[in-house]
PDB file of N, CA and C in Angstrom:
ATOM      1  N   GLY A   1       0.649  -1.040  -0.071  1.00  0.00           N
ATOM      2  CA  GLY A   1      -0.228   0.051   0.095  1.00  0.00           C
ATOM      3  C   GLY A   1       0.986   1.379  -0.042  1.00  0.00           C
ATOM      4  N   LEU A   2       0.028   2.166   0.116  1.00  0.00           N
ATOM      5  CA  LEU A   2       0.850   3.676   0.469  1.00  0.00           C
ATOM      6  C   LEU A   2       1.679   3.939   1.687  1.00  0.00           C
ATOM      7  N   ASP A   3       2.006   4.875   1.740  1.00  0.00           N
ATOM      8  CA  ASP A   3       2.745   5.597   3.290  1.00  0.00           C
ATOM      9  C   ASP A   3       1.342   6.606   3.527  1.00  0.00           C
ATOM     10  N   GLU A   4       1.237   6.361   4.669  1.00  0.00           N
ATOM     11  CA  GLU A   4       0.393   7.452   5.651  1.00  0.00           C
ATOM     12  C   GLU A   4       0.528   8.559   5.342  1.00  0.00           C
ATOM     13  N   LEU A   5      -0.352   9.203   5.412  1.00  0.00           N
ATOM     14  CA  LEU A   5      -0.101  11.022   5.133  1.00  0.00           C
ATOM     15  C   LEU A   5      -0.113  11.861   6.585  1.00  0.00           C
ATOM     16  N   ASP A   6       0.026  12.761   7.296  1.00  0.00           N
ATOM     17  CA  ASP A   6      -0.573  13.227   8.295  1.00  0.00           C
ATOM     18  C   ASP A   6      -1.453  14.522   7.536  1.00  0.00           C
ATOM     19  N   ALA A   7      -1.910  15.182   8.765  1.00  0.00           N
ATOM     20  CA  ALA A   7      -3.163  16.110   7.865  1.00  0.00           C
ATOM     21  C   ALA A   7      -2.334  16.913   7.156  1.00  0.00           C
ATOM     22  N   LEU A   8      -1.300  17.579   7.598  1.00  0.00           N
ATOM     23  CA  LEU A   8      -0.756  18.867   6.397  1.00  0.00           C
ATOM     24  C   LEU A   8      -0.352  18.047   5.289  1.00  0.00           C
ATOM     25  N   ALA A   9       0.256  16.932   5.507  1.00  0.00           N
ATOM     26  CA  ALA A   9       0.597  16.432   4.014  1.00  0.00           C
ATOM     27  C   ALA A   9      -0.525  16.380   2.910  1.00  0.00           C
ATOM     28  N   PHE A  10      -1.494  15.501   3.820  1.00  0.00           N
ATOM     29  CA  PHE A  10      -2.702  15.221   3.177  1.00  0.00           C
ATOM     30  C   PHE A  10      -3.479  16.637   2.333  1.00  0.00           C
ATOM     31  N   VAL A  11      -3.245  17.927   2.998  1.00  0.00           N
ATOM     32  CA  VAL A  11      -4.071  18.955   2.753  1.00  0.00           C
ATOM     33  C   VAL A  11      -3.207  19.652   1.637  1.00  0.00           C
ATOM     34  N   ARG A  12      -1.721  19.874   1.361  1.00  0.00           N
ATOM     35  CA  ARG A  12      -0.915  20.106   0.460  1.00  0.00           C
ATOM     36  C   ARG A  12      -1.230  18.957  -1.182  1.00  0.00           C
ATOM     37  N   GLU A  13      -1.173  17.781  -0.529  1.00  0.00           N
ATOM     38  CA  GLU A  13      -1.508  16.893  -1.812  1.00  0.00           C
ATOM     39  C   GLU A  13      -2.845  17.099  -2.247  1.00  0.00           C
ATOM     40  N   LEU A  14      -3.814  17.145  -1.502  1.00  0.00           N
ATOM     41  CA  LEU A  14      -5.099  17.773  -2.119  1.00  0.00           C
ATOM     42  C   LEU A  14      -5.113  18.952  -2.796  1.00  0.00           C
ATOM     43  N   ARG A  15      -4.672  19.724  -2.356  1.00  0.00           N
ATOM     44  CA  ARG A  15      -4.032  21.220  -3.174  1.00  0.00           C
ATOM     45  C   ARG A  15      -3.565  20.758  -4.721  1.00  0.00           C
ATOM     46  N   ALA A  16      -2.377  20.645  -4.599  1.00  0.00           N
ATOM     47  CA  ALA A  16      -1.643  19.942  -5.969  1.00  0.00           C
ATOM     48  C   ALA A  16      -2.749  18.943  -6.918  1.00  0.00           C
ATOM     49  N   LYS A  17      -3.210  17.990  -6.151  1.00  0.00           N
ATOM     50  CA  LYS A  17      -4.416  17.537  -7.166  1.00  0.00           C
ATOM     51  C   LYS A  17      -5.154  18.704  -7.617  1.00  0.00           C
ATOM     52  N   ALA A  18      -6.148  19.123  -6.886  1.00  0.00           N
ATOM     53  CA  ALA A  18      -6.758  20.173  -7.290  1.00  0.00           C
ATOM     54  C   ALA A  18      -6.605  20.851  -8.015  1.00  0.00           C
ATOM     55  N   LYS A  19      -5.373  21.492  -7.856  1.00  0.00           N
ATOM     56  CA  LYS A  19      -4.606  22.936  -8.919  1.00  0.00           C
ATOM     57  C   LYS A  19      -4.535  21.978 -10.384  1.00  0.00           C
ATOM     58  N   THR A  20      -4.473  20.619 -10.169  1.00  0.00           N
ATOM     59  CA  THR A  20      -3.831  20.087 -11.510  1.00  0.00           C
ATOM     60  C   THR A  20      -5.322  19.615 -12.343  1.00  0.00           C
ATOM     61  N   LEU A  21      -6.394  19.187 -11.774  1.00  0.00           N
ATOM     62  CA  LEU A  21      -7.770  19.069 -12.589  1.00  0.00           C
ATOM     63  C   LEU A  21      -8.400  20.365 -12.540  1.00  0.00           C
ATOM     64  N   GLY A  22      -7.871  21.707 -12.281  1.00  0.00           N
ATOM     65  CA  GLY A  22      -8.984  22.995 -12.033  1.00  0.00           C
ATOM     66  C   GLY A  22      -9.558  23.006 -11.092  1.00  0.00           C
ATOM     67  N   ILE A  23      -9.614  22.490 -10.282  1.00  0.00           N
ATOM     68  CA  ILE A  23     -10.343  22.942  -8.920  1.00  0.00           C
ATOM     69  C   ILE A  23     -10.264  23.816  -8.146  1.00  0.00           C
ATOM     70  N   GLY A  24     -10.669  25.219  -8.014  1.00  0.00           N
ATOM     71  CA  GLY A  24     -10.677  26.066  -6.865  1.00  0.00           C
ATOM     72  C   GLY A  24     -10.564  25.434  -5.679  1.00  0.00           C
ATOM     73  N   ASN A  25     -10.028  26.380  -4.623  1.00  0.00           N
ATOM     74  CA  ASN A  25      -9.831  26.303  -3.265  1.00  0.00           C
ATOM     75  C   ASN A  25     -11.006  26.200  -2.437  1.00  0.00           C
ATOM     76  N   ASP A  26     -12.101  27.443  -3.405  1.00  0.00           N
ATOM     77  CA  ASP A  26     -13.350  27.272  -2.993  1.00  0.00           C
ATOM     78  C   ASP A  26     -14.211  25.910  -2.611  1.00  0.00           C
ATOM     79  N   MET A  27     -13.965  25.136  -3.968  1.00  0.00           N
ATOM     80  CA  MET A  27     -14.713  24.046  -4.038  1.00  0.00           C
ATOM     81  C   MET A  27     -14.178  23.055  -2.443  1.00  0.00           C
ATOM     82  N   LEU A  28     -12.702  23.204  -1.953  1.00  0.00           N
ATOM     83  CA  LEU A  28     -12.022  22.609  -0.915  1.00  0.00           C
ATOM     84  C   LEU A  28     -12.735  22.871   0.159  1.00  0.00           C
ATOM     85  N   LYS A  29     -13.215  24.073   0.186  1.00  0.00           N
ATOM     86  CA  LYS A  29     -13.604  24.522   1.290  1.00  0.00           C
ATOM     87  C   LYS A  29     -14.842  24.411   1.938  1.00  0.00           C
ATOM     88  N   ARG A  30     -15.962  23.929   1.004  1.00  0.00           N
ATOM     89  CA  ARG A  30     -17.219  23.727   1.132  1.00  0.00           C
ATOM     90  C   ARG A  30     -17.435  22.285   1.931  1.00  0.00           C
ATOM     91  N   ALA A  31     -18.950  22.624   2.029  1.00  0.00           N
ATOM     92  CA  ALA A  31     -19.240  21.348   2.568  1.00  0.00           C
ATOM     93  C   ALA A  31     -19.569  20.200   1.436  1.00  0.00           C
ATOM     94  N   VAL A  32     -19.925  18.985   1.790  1.00  0.00           N
ATOM     95  CA  VAL A  32     -20.283  17.721   0.846  1.00  0.00           C
ATOM     96  C   VAL A  32     -21.425  18.179  -0.270  1.00  0.00           C
ATOM     97  N   ASN A  33     -22.246  18.391   0.268  1.00  0.00           N
ATOM     98  CA  ASN A  33     -23.549  18.730  -0.409  1.00  0.00           C
ATOM     99  C   ASN A  33     -23.866  19.847  -0.350  1.00  0.00           C
ATOM    100  N   VAL A  34     -23.478  20.638  -0.652  1.00  0.00           N
ATOM    101  CA  VAL A  34     -24.226  22.459  -0.492  1.00  0.00           C
ATOM    102  C   VAL A  34     -23.840  22.543  -1.679  1.00  0.00           C
ATOM    103  N   GLY A  35     -25.632  23.123  -1.916  1.00  0.00           N
ATOM    104  CA  GLY A  35     -25.312  23.906  -3.665  1.00  0.00           C
ATOM    105  C   GLY A  35     -25.770  22.511  -4.311  1.00  0.00           C
ATOM    106  N   PHE A  36     -26.301  21.512  -4.144  1.00  0.00           N
ATOM    107  CA  PHE A  36     -26.191  20.368  -4.834  1.00  0.00           C
ATOM    108  C   PHE A  36     -27.786  19.712  -4.562  1.00  0.00           C
ATOM    109  N   SER A  37     -28.536  19.163  -5.793  1.00  0.00           N
ATOM    110  CA  SER A  37     -29.793  18.706  -5.640  1.00  0.00           C
ATOM    111  C   SER A  37     -29.570  17.251  -4.783  1.00  0.00           C
ATOM    112  N   GLY A  38     -30.587  17.049  -3.964  1.00  0.00           N
ATOM    113  CA  GLY A  38     -29.976  15.720  -3.107  1.00  0.00           C
ATOM    114  C   GLY A  38     -31.163  14.382  -3.703  1.00  0.00           C
ATOM    115  N   GLY A  39     -31.877  15.014  -4.695  1.00  0.00           N
ATOM    116  CA  GLY A  39     -32.436  13.835  -5.219  1.00  0.00           C
ATOM    117  C   GLY A  39     -34.317  13.875  -5.091  1.00  0.00           C
ATOM    118  N   GLU A  40     -34.345  14.906  -4.068  1.00  0.00           N
ATOM    119  CA  GLU A  40     -35.646  14.814  -3.605  1.00  0.00           C
ATOM    120  C   GLU A  40     -36.849  15.703  -4.477  1.00  0.00           C
ATOM    121  N   LYS A  41     -37.887  14.549  -4.289  1.00  0.00           N
ATOM    122  CA  LYS A  41     -38.950  14.765  -5.695  1.00  0.00           C
ATOM    123  C   LYS A  41     -39.833  16.028  -4.602  1.00  0.00           C
ATOM    124  N   LYS A  42     -39.928  17.009  -5.911  1.00  0.00           N
ATOM    125  CA  LYS A  42     -41.226  18.084  -5.776  1.00  0.00           C
ATOM    126  C   LYS A  42     -42.585  18.020  -5.612  1.00  0.00           C
TER     127      LYS A  42
END
């Protein structure tokens, strides 16, 4: 498997991957389901 990452190393890796994918830091800071439909029926 892979070596374990501490929290700081994880955040650094996450930001680097997000930048590569063109994902802004604002997306990394938001809650998981904020702004998305939950699929509930109207």
